[in-house]
Amino acid sequence: MMARFFKRCAAVALGLALLFVGLRAGLNYSGFCLEQRRWLTDREKIEIAIKRILASYPPTLIEVVTYPDGRKADRYFQPENPVPYRSVDEFLQVNPECCEVTQREHPKISGSISLGSRLFGITSANVRVRYQVRYLDASGRMITRIMEPYIAISNCGRPLN
């Protein structure tokens, strides 16, 4: 009789543990931040991604160089005279319709956020940010280049790249 009681207690404990793990994984998968007990809005995710970009502005740019023999190669450089954005608001004003919250990865990576990343709350979404990198050339003219990074955001709003 006692053995049957302990088996039932063990089964109930196992059931509760599985329920807890399943509930937590489901909340993580949905993008819920357990620390803050809420979901981040798309606007918050976009602002986090823009702040991440502004913190490392200007980005390294790529330029295709053609040699006299016809070979082509990528040349990486950072603009010497960048024109920084003063704020998230200015960034959004200069780059309207810049941003999209998505489950897709960067097209060069292909695919979408992995199941494991979502179940463990590592990555809630990616924010695609299409924006102008602004800098002055040697003669003082404003040059712009378009960049389109995908910034991964955790469930609680930490940028991951």
N, C-alpha and C. Protein backbone atom coordinates (compact mmCIF):
# COMPACT_ATOMS: atom_id res chain seq x y z
N MET A 1 0.82 -1.18 0.00
CA MET A 1 0.00 0.00 0.00
C MET A 1 0.87 1.25 0.00
N MET A 2 1.92 1.27 0.82
CA MET A 2 2.83 2.41 0.88
C MET A 2 3.56 2.59 -0.44
N ALA A 3 3.93 1.48 -1.08
CA ALA A 3 4.65 1.55 -2.36
C ALA A 3 3.77 2.20 -3.42
N ARG A 4 2.48 1.83 -3.43
CA ARG A 4 1.54 2.42 -4.39
C ARG A 4 1.40 3.92 -4.16
N PHE A 5 1.35 4.33 -2.92
CA PHE A 5 1.26 5.75 -2.57
C PHE A 5 2.48 6.51 -3.10
N PHE A 6 3.69 5.97 -2.89
CA PHE A 6 4.90 6.63 -3.36
C PHE A 6 4.97 6.68 -4.89
N LYS A 7 4.47 5.63 -5.55
CA LYS A 7 4.43 5.63 -7.02
C LYS A 7 3.50 6.74 -7.52
N ARG A 8 2.36 6.88 -6.87
CA ARG A 8 1.41 7.94 -7.27
C ARG A 8 2.02 9.33 -7.01
N CYS A 9 2.68 9.48 -5.88
CA CYS A 9 3.34 10.77 -5.58
C CYS A 9 4.42 11.08 -6.62
N ALA A 10 5.18 10.08 -6.98
CA ALA A 10 6.23 10.27 -7.99
C ALA A 10 5.62 10.63 -9.34
N ALA A 11 4.50 9.96 -9.69
CA ALA A 11 3.84 10.26 -10.96
C ALA A 11 3.29 11.68 -10.97
N VAL A 12 2.70 12.10 -9.87
CA VAL A 12 2.17 13.47 -9.76
C VAL A 12 3.32 14.48 -9.85
N ALA A 13 4.41 14.22 -9.15
CA ALA A 13 5.56 15.13 -9.17
C ALA A 13 6.13 15.22 -10.58
N LEU A 14 6.25 14.09 -11.25
CA LEU A 14 6.75 14.09 -12.63
C LEU A 14 5.80 14.86 -13.54
N GLY A 15 4.50 14.64 -13.37
CA GLY A 15 3.51 15.36 -14.17
C GLY A 15 3.60 16.87 -13.96
N LEU A 16 3.73 17.28 -12.71
CA LEU A 16 3.85 18.71 -12.41
C LEU A 16 5.14 19.30 -12.99
N ALA A 17 6.23 18.54 -12.89
CA ALA A 17 7.50 19.01 -13.45
C ALA A 17 7.39 19.18 -14.96
N LEU A 18 6.78 18.20 -15.64
CA LEU A 18 6.59 18.30 -17.10
C LEU A 18 5.67 19.47 -17.46
N LEU A 19 4.65 19.67 -16.67
CA LEU A 19 3.75 20.80 -16.91
C LEU A 19 4.50 22.12 -16.77
N PHE A 20 5.32 22.25 -15.73
CA PHE A 20 6.11 23.46 -15.51
C PHE A 20 7.07 23.71 -16.67
N VAL A 21 7.80 22.66 -17.07
CA VAL A 21 8.76 22.80 -18.18
C VAL A 21 8.02 23.16 -19.46
N GLY A 22 6.89 22.51 -19.72
CA GLY A 22 6.12 22.81 -20.92
C GLY A 22 5.57 24.22 -20.92
N LEU A 23 5.07 24.67 -19.78
CA LEU A 23 4.54 26.03 -19.66
C LEU A 23 5.64 27.06 -19.89
N ARG A 24 6.79 26.83 -19.25
CA ARG A 24 7.92 27.77 -19.39
C ARG A 24 8.41 27.80 -20.85
N ALA A 25 8.53 26.63 -21.48
CA ALA A 25 8.98 26.58 -22.88
C ALA A 25 7.97 27.28 -23.79
N GLY A 26 6.68 27.09 -23.50
CA GLY A 26 5.65 27.74 -24.32
C GLY A 26 5.70 29.26 -24.19
N LEU A 27 5.88 29.74 -22.96
CA LEU A 27 6.00 31.19 -22.77
C LEU A 27 7.25 31.72 -23.46
N ASN A 28 8.37 31.03 -23.32
CA ASN A 28 9.60 31.44 -24.01
C ASN A 28 9.37 31.48 -25.51
N TYR A 29 8.76 30.44 -26.05
CA TYR A 29 8.53 30.35 -27.49
C TYR A 29 7.70 31.54 -27.98
N SER A 30 6.76 31.97 -27.16
CA SER A 30 5.89 33.09 -27.55
C SER A 30 6.58 34.45 -27.42
N GLY A 31 7.80 34.47 -26.84
CA GLY A 31 8.53 35.73 -26.68
C GLY A 31 8.34 36.39 -25.33
N PHE A 32 7.74 35.71 -24.40
CA PHE A 32 7.47 36.27 -23.07
C PHE A 32 8.77 36.41 -22.28
N CYS A 33 8.98 37.56 -21.65
CA CYS A 33 10.14 37.79 -20.80
C CYS A 33 9.74 37.44 -19.37
N LEU A 34 10.30 36.35 -18.87
CA LEU A 34 9.95 35.91 -17.51
C LEU A 34 10.44 36.89 -16.46
N GLU A 35 11.63 37.50 -16.67
CA GLU A 35 12.17 38.45 -15.69
C GLU A 35 11.26 39.65 -15.48
N GLN A 36 10.72 40.16 -16.60
CA GLN A 36 9.88 41.37 -16.53
C GLN A 36 8.38 41.04 -16.49
N ARG A 37 8.06 39.78 -16.67
CA ARG A 37 6.68 39.29 -16.69
C ARG A 37 5.82 40.01 -17.73
N ARG A 38 6.36 40.08 -18.95
CA ARG A 38 5.62 40.74 -20.03
C ARG A 38 6.25 40.42 -21.38
N TRP A 39 5.51 40.74 -22.44
CA TRP A 39 6.03 40.66 -23.79
C TRP A 39 6.52 42.05 -24.19
N LEU A 40 7.63 42.13 -24.89
CA LEU A 40 8.09 43.41 -25.42
C LEU A 40 7.25 43.75 -26.64
N THR A 41 7.01 45.03 -26.84
CA THR A 41 6.28 45.45 -28.04
C THR A 41 7.25 45.49 -29.22
N ASP A 42 6.70 45.49 -30.43
CA ASP A 42 7.55 45.61 -31.62
C ASP A 42 8.31 46.94 -31.60
N ARG A 43 7.66 47.99 -31.13
CA ARG A 43 8.31 49.30 -31.04
C ARG A 43 9.53 49.23 -30.12
N GLU A 44 9.41 48.55 -28.99
CA GLU A 44 10.55 48.40 -28.08
C GLU A 44 11.69 47.63 -28.75
N LYS A 45 11.35 46.56 -29.46
CA LYS A 45 12.37 45.76 -30.15
C LYS A 45 13.09 46.59 -31.21
N ILE A 46 12.34 47.41 -31.94
CA ILE A 46 12.93 48.27 -32.97
C ILE A 46 13.86 49.29 -32.34
N GLU A 47 13.44 49.93 -31.25
CA GLU A 47 14.30 50.91 -30.58
C GLU A 47 15.57 50.26 -30.03
N ILE A 48 15.47 49.05 -29.52
CA ILE A 48 16.65 48.33 -29.03
C ILE A 48 17.62 48.08 -30.18
N ALA A 49 17.10 47.65 -31.32
CA ALA A 49 17.96 47.39 -32.48
C ALA A 49 18.64 48.67 -32.97
N ILE A 50 17.89 49.77 -33.02
CA ILE A 50 18.47 51.04 -33.47
C ILE A 50 19.54 51.50 -32.49
N LYS A 51 19.28 51.40 -31.20
CA LYS A 51 20.30 51.79 -30.20
C LYS A 51 21.56 50.95 -30.36
N ARG A 52 21.40 49.69 -30.69
CA ARG A 52 22.57 48.81 -30.92
C ARG A 52 23.37 49.31 -32.12
N ILE A 53 22.69 49.72 -33.17
CA ILE A 53 23.35 50.24 -34.37
C ILE A 53 24.06 51.55 -34.05
N LEU A 54 23.38 52.43 -33.34
CA LEU A 54 23.97 53.73 -33.00
C LEU A 54 25.19 53.60 -32.10
N ALA A 55 25.21 52.58 -31.25
CA ALA A 55 26.33 52.38 -30.33
C ALA A 55 27.62 52.00 -31.05
N SER A 56 27.50 51.42 -32.25
CA SER A 56 28.69 51.01 -32.99
C SER A 56 28.81 51.73 -34.34
N TYR A 57 28.18 52.89 -34.43
CA TYR A 57 28.18 53.66 -35.68
C TYR A 57 29.50 54.38 -35.85
N PRO A 58 30.09 54.41 -37.03
CA PRO A 58 29.61 53.85 -38.29
C PRO A 58 30.04 52.39 -38.43
N PRO A 59 29.27 51.64 -39.21
CA PRO A 59 29.65 50.24 -39.43
C PRO A 59 30.78 50.14 -40.44
N THR A 60 31.38 48.98 -40.50
CA THR A 60 32.37 48.72 -41.54
C THR A 60 31.61 48.53 -42.85
N LEU A 61 32.05 49.23 -43.89
CA LEU A 61 31.40 49.14 -45.19
C LEU A 61 32.23 48.28 -46.14
N ILE A 62 31.58 47.79 -47.16
CA ILE A 62 32.25 46.97 -48.17
C ILE A 62 32.17 47.71 -49.49
N GLU A 63 33.29 47.72 -50.19
CA GLU A 63 33.37 48.34 -51.51
C GLU A 63 34.02 47.32 -52.44
N VAL A 64 33.45 47.14 -53.62
CA VAL A 64 34.05 46.22 -54.59
C VAL A 64 35.11 46.97 -55.37
N VAL A 65 36.34 46.42 -55.37
CA VAL A 65 37.47 47.02 -56.08
C VAL A 65 37.76 46.16 -57.29
N THR A 66 37.90 46.81 -58.46
CA THR A 66 38.26 46.10 -59.68
C THR A 66 39.71 46.43 -60.03
N TYR A 67 40.53 45.40 -60.14
CA TYR A 67 41.95 45.58 -60.46
C TYR A 67 42.14 45.67 -61.96
N PRO A 68 43.27 46.23 -62.42
CA PRO A 68 43.51 46.37 -63.87
C PRO A 68 43.40 45.06 -64.64
N ASP A 69 43.70 43.94 -64.01
CA ASP A 69 43.61 42.65 -64.72
C ASP A 69 42.18 42.09 -64.72
N GLY A 70 41.21 42.84 -64.19
CA GLY A 70 39.81 42.43 -64.22
C GLY A 70 39.34 41.71 -62.97
N ARG A 71 40.25 41.33 -62.08
CA ARG A 71 39.84 40.68 -60.83
C ARG A 71 39.07 41.65 -59.96
N LYS A 72 38.14 41.11 -59.20
CA LYS A 72 37.37 41.93 -58.27
C LYS A 72 37.57 41.39 -56.86
N ALA A 73 37.57 42.30 -55.93
CA ALA A 73 37.72 41.92 -54.52
C ALA A 73 36.96 42.91 -53.65
N ASP A 74 36.56 42.43 -52.50
CA ASP A 74 35.89 43.30 -51.53
C ASP A 74 36.94 44.04 -50.72
N ARG A 75 36.70 45.32 -50.51
CA ARG A 75 37.55 46.13 -49.65
C ARG A 75 36.69 46.62 -48.50
N TYR A 76 37.12 46.36 -47.30
CA TYR A 76 36.38 46.77 -46.11
C TYR A 76 36.98 48.07 -45.59
N PHE A 77 36.11 49.01 -45.21
CA PHE A 77 36.60 50.28 -44.67
C PHE A 77 35.57 50.89 -43.74
N GLN A 78 36.07 51.74 -42.87
CA GLN A 78 35.18 52.54 -42.03
C GLN A 78 35.30 53.98 -42.51
N PRO A 79 34.18 54.64 -42.74
CA PRO A 79 34.23 56.03 -43.19
C PRO A 79 35.03 56.90 -42.22
N GLU A 80 35.89 57.74 -42.79
CA GLU A 80 36.72 58.61 -41.95
C GLU A 80 35.94 59.76 -41.34
N ASN A 81 34.94 60.26 -42.05
CA ASN A 81 34.16 61.40 -41.58
C ASN A 81 32.67 61.03 -41.49
N PRO A 82 32.32 60.15 -40.54
CA PRO A 82 30.91 59.75 -40.45
C PRO A 82 30.03 60.91 -39.98
N VAL A 83 28.80 60.88 -40.41
CA VAL A 83 27.79 61.83 -39.94
C VAL A 83 26.86 61.02 -39.03
N PRO A 84 27.09 61.09 -37.72
CA PRO A 84 26.32 60.23 -36.81
C PRO A 84 24.88 60.71 -36.64
N TYR A 85 24.05 59.78 -36.22
CA TYR A 85 22.68 60.12 -35.84
C TYR A 85 22.71 60.58 -34.39
N ARG A 86 21.95 61.64 -34.09
CA ARG A 86 21.95 62.19 -32.73
C ARG A 86 21.03 61.42 -31.79
N SER A 87 20.04 60.73 -32.36
CA SER A 87 19.06 60.05 -31.50
C SER A 87 18.29 59.00 -32.30
N VAL A 88 17.53 58.20 -31.60
CA VAL A 88 16.66 57.22 -32.25
C VAL A 88 15.62 57.96 -33.09
N ASP A 89 15.11 59.09 -32.58
CA ASP A 89 14.11 59.85 -33.33
C ASP A 89 14.67 60.37 -34.65
N GLU A 90 15.90 60.89 -34.64
CA GLU A 90 16.50 61.35 -35.89
C GLU A 90 16.71 60.18 -36.85
N PHE A 91 17.15 59.06 -36.32
CA PHE A 91 17.35 57.86 -37.14
C PHE A 91 16.05 57.49 -37.85
N LEU A 92 14.95 57.49 -37.11
CA LEU A 92 13.65 57.14 -37.68
C LEU A 92 13.16 58.19 -38.67
N GLN A 93 13.49 59.45 -38.42
CA GLN A 93 13.09 60.52 -39.33
C GLN A 93 13.82 60.40 -40.66
N VAL A 94 15.12 60.11 -40.61
CA VAL A 94 15.93 59.98 -41.83
C VAL A 94 15.63 58.67 -42.56
N ASN A 95 15.24 57.65 -41.80
CA ASN A 95 15.01 56.31 -42.36
C ASN A 95 13.59 55.84 -42.07
N PRO A 96 12.58 56.52 -42.65
CA PRO A 96 11.20 56.09 -42.38
C PRO A 96 10.99 54.69 -42.97
N GLU A 97 10.13 53.93 -42.36
CA GLU A 97 9.84 52.56 -42.81
C GLU A 97 11.10 51.69 -42.82
N CYS A 98 12.01 51.98 -41.90
CA CYS A 98 13.30 51.28 -41.87
C CYS A 98 13.24 49.88 -41.31
N CYS A 99 12.26 49.64 -40.46
CA CYS A 99 12.42 48.49 -39.58
C CYS A 99 11.24 47.53 -39.64
N GLU A 100 11.57 46.25 -39.47
CA GLU A 100 10.55 45.21 -39.46
C GLU A 100 10.97 44.15 -38.43
N VAL A 101 10.04 43.80 -37.55
CA VAL A 101 10.27 42.72 -36.61
C VAL A 101 9.85 41.44 -37.31
N THR A 102 10.76 40.46 -37.33
CA THR A 102 10.51 39.25 -38.12
C THR A 102 11.09 38.03 -37.41
N GLN A 103 10.64 36.87 -37.81
CA GLN A 103 11.21 35.61 -37.32
C GLN A 103 12.29 35.10 -38.28
N ARG A 104 12.46 35.77 -39.41
CA ARG A 104 13.46 35.34 -40.40
C ARG A 104 14.86 35.76 -39.98
N GLU A 105 15.83 35.02 -40.46
CA GLU A 105 17.23 35.38 -40.30
C GLU A 105 17.62 36.26 -41.48
N HIS A 106 18.84 36.76 -41.48
CA HIS A 106 19.35 37.53 -42.61
C HIS A 106 19.31 36.65 -43.86
N PRO A 107 18.94 37.19 -45.02
CA PRO A 107 18.85 36.37 -46.24
C PRO A 107 20.14 35.59 -46.56
N LYS A 108 21.30 36.12 -46.20
CA LYS A 108 22.54 35.40 -46.47
C LYS A 108 22.68 34.18 -45.56
N ILE A 109 21.99 34.19 -44.43
CA ILE A 109 22.02 33.05 -43.51
C ILE A 109 20.91 32.08 -43.88
N SER A 110 19.78 32.61 -44.26
CA SER A 110 18.55 31.89 -44.63
C SER A 110 17.92 31.17 -43.45
N GLY A 111 16.65 30.90 -43.61
CA GLY A 111 15.93 30.18 -42.56
C GLY A 111 15.27 31.12 -41.58
N SER A 112 14.95 30.57 -40.45
CA SER A 112 14.31 31.37 -39.41
C SER A 112 14.98 31.04 -38.08
N ILE A 113 14.55 31.71 -37.05
CA ILE A 113 15.12 31.51 -35.72
C ILE A 113 14.89 30.05 -35.32
N SER A 114 15.91 29.42 -34.78
CA SER A 114 15.81 27.99 -34.45
C SER A 114 14.80 27.74 -33.35
N LEU A 115 14.26 26.54 -33.37
CA LEU A 115 13.30 26.13 -32.36
C LEU A 115 13.91 26.22 -30.96
N GLY A 116 15.15 25.74 -30.81
CA GLY A 116 15.82 25.79 -29.51
C GLY A 116 15.98 27.20 -28.98
N SER A 117 16.36 28.13 -29.87
CA SER A 117 16.53 29.54 -29.45
C SER A 117 15.22 30.12 -28.94
N ARG A 118 14.13 29.74 -29.56
CA ARG A 118 12.83 30.26 -29.12
C ARG A 118 12.35 29.58 -27.85
N LEU A 119 12.52 28.26 -27.76
CA LEU A 119 12.06 27.54 -26.56
C LEU A 119 12.81 27.95 -25.30
N PHE A 120 14.09 28.31 -25.46
CA PHE A 120 14.88 28.71 -24.29
C PHE A 120 14.90 30.23 -24.10
N GLY A 121 14.19 30.98 -24.96
CA GLY A 121 14.08 32.43 -24.80
C GLY A 121 15.34 33.18 -25.20
N ILE A 122 16.23 32.51 -25.92
CA ILE A 122 17.48 33.15 -26.33
C ILE A 122 17.21 34.23 -27.38
N THR A 123 16.40 33.90 -28.36
CA THR A 123 16.05 34.85 -29.41
C THR A 123 14.54 34.88 -29.58
N SER A 124 13.97 36.05 -29.42
CA SER A 124 12.53 36.23 -29.59
C SER A 124 12.19 36.62 -31.02
N ALA A 125 13.04 37.48 -31.59
CA ALA A 125 12.78 37.99 -32.94
C ALA A 125 14.06 38.59 -33.50
N ASN A 126 14.03 38.82 -34.79
CA ASN A 126 15.07 39.60 -35.45
C ASN A 126 14.43 40.90 -35.90
N VAL A 127 15.20 41.97 -35.85
CA VAL A 127 14.72 43.25 -36.36
C VAL A 127 15.57 43.58 -37.60
N ARG A 128 14.88 43.64 -38.74
CA ARG A 128 15.55 44.03 -39.98
C ARG A 128 15.57 45.55 -39.99
N VAL A 129 16.76 46.13 -40.12
CA VAL A 129 16.90 47.58 -40.10
C VAL A 129 17.59 48.01 -41.40
N ARG A 130 16.85 48.65 -42.28
CA ARG A 130 17.41 49.17 -43.53
C ARG A 130 17.61 50.67 -43.33
N TYR A 131 18.89 51.10 -43.37
CA TYR A 131 19.17 52.49 -43.04
C TYR A 131 20.35 53.04 -43.85
N GLN A 132 20.45 54.37 -43.81
CA GLN A 132 21.53 55.07 -44.51
C GLN A 132 22.73 55.26 -43.58
N VAL A 133 23.89 54.84 -44.05
CA VAL A 133 25.14 55.19 -43.39
C VAL A 133 25.58 56.48 -44.07
N ARG A 134 25.77 57.51 -43.28
CA ARG A 134 26.10 58.84 -43.84
C ARG A 134 27.53 59.21 -43.46
N TYR A 135 28.26 59.72 -44.46
CA TYR A 135 29.61 60.21 -44.19
C TYR A 135 29.99 61.24 -45.24
N LEU A 136 31.03 62.01 -44.93
CA LEU A 136 31.52 63.04 -45.84
C LEU A 136 32.74 62.51 -46.58
N ASP A 137 32.79 62.75 -47.90
CA ASP A 137 33.99 62.34 -48.64
C ASP A 137 35.07 63.41 -48.49
N ALA A 138 36.18 63.26 -49.19
CA ALA A 138 37.33 64.17 -49.04
C ALA A 138 36.98 65.61 -49.40
N SER A 139 35.99 65.80 -50.29
CA SER A 139 35.62 67.17 -50.68
C SER A 139 34.45 67.71 -49.85
N GLY A 140 34.02 66.97 -48.83
CA GLY A 140 32.97 67.46 -47.95
C GLY A 140 31.55 67.15 -48.40
N ARG A 141 31.39 66.36 -49.46
CA ARG A 141 30.05 65.98 -49.93
C ARG A 141 29.51 64.83 -49.10
N MET A 142 28.21 64.89 -48.84
CA MET A 142 27.55 63.82 -48.08
C MET A 142 27.38 62.60 -48.99
N ILE A 143 27.88 61.48 -48.52
CA ILE A 143 27.73 60.20 -49.22
C ILE A 143 26.86 59.32 -48.34
N THR A 144 25.99 58.55 -48.95
CA THR A 144 25.18 57.61 -48.17
C THR A 144 25.32 56.22 -48.77
N ARG A 145 25.32 55.24 -47.91
CA ARG A 145 25.31 53.84 -48.30
C ARG A 145 24.18 53.18 -47.51
N ILE A 146 23.50 52.26 -48.14
CA ILE A 146 22.42 51.55 -47.47
C ILE A 146 22.96 50.27 -46.83
N MET A 147 22.62 50.09 -45.57
CA MET A 147 22.95 48.87 -44.83
C MET A 147 21.64 48.22 -44.44
N GLU A 148 21.67 46.89 -44.29
CA GLU A 148 20.46 46.18 -43.89
C GLU A 148 20.81 45.00 -42.97
N PRO A 149 21.21 45.31 -41.74
CA PRO A 149 21.49 44.22 -40.80
C PRO A 149 20.20 43.67 -40.19
N TYR A 150 20.32 42.48 -39.66
CA TYR A 150 19.26 41.87 -38.86
C TYR A 150 19.81 41.77 -37.45
N ILE A 151 19.15 42.41 -36.50
CA ILE A 151 19.59 42.41 -35.11
C ILE A 151 18.71 41.43 -34.33
N ALA A 152 19.33 40.40 -33.76
CA ALA A 152 18.58 39.43 -32.96
C ALA A 152 18.33 40.02 -31.58
N ILE A 153 17.11 39.84 -31.08
CA ILE A 153 16.69 40.38 -29.79
C ILE A 153 16.21 39.23 -28.90
N SER A 154 16.69 39.19 -27.67
CA SER A 154 16.22 38.16 -26.73
C SER A 154 14.83 38.51 -26.24
N ASN A 155 14.20 37.56 -25.56
CA ASN A 155 12.85 37.79 -25.03
C ASN A 155 12.79 39.02 -24.11
N CYS A 156 13.90 39.29 -23.41
CA CYS A 156 13.90 40.42 -22.47
C CYS A 156 14.58 41.66 -23.05
N GLY A 157 14.86 41.66 -24.35
CA GLY A 157 15.33 42.87 -25.01
C GLY A 157 16.83 43.06 -25.11
N ARG A 158 17.59 42.01 -24.95
CA ARG A 158 19.03 42.13 -25.13
C ARG A 158 19.38 41.89 -26.59
N PRO A 159 20.11 42.84 -27.23
CA PRO A 159 20.55 42.57 -28.60
C PRO A 159 21.65 41.51 -28.56
N LEU A 160 21.62 40.58 -29.50
CA LEU A 160 22.53 39.45 -29.44
C LEU A 160 23.68 39.54 -30.43
N ASN A 161 23.69 40.54 -31.28
CA ASN A 161 24.81 40.65 -32.23
C ASN A 161 25.21 42.08 -32.40
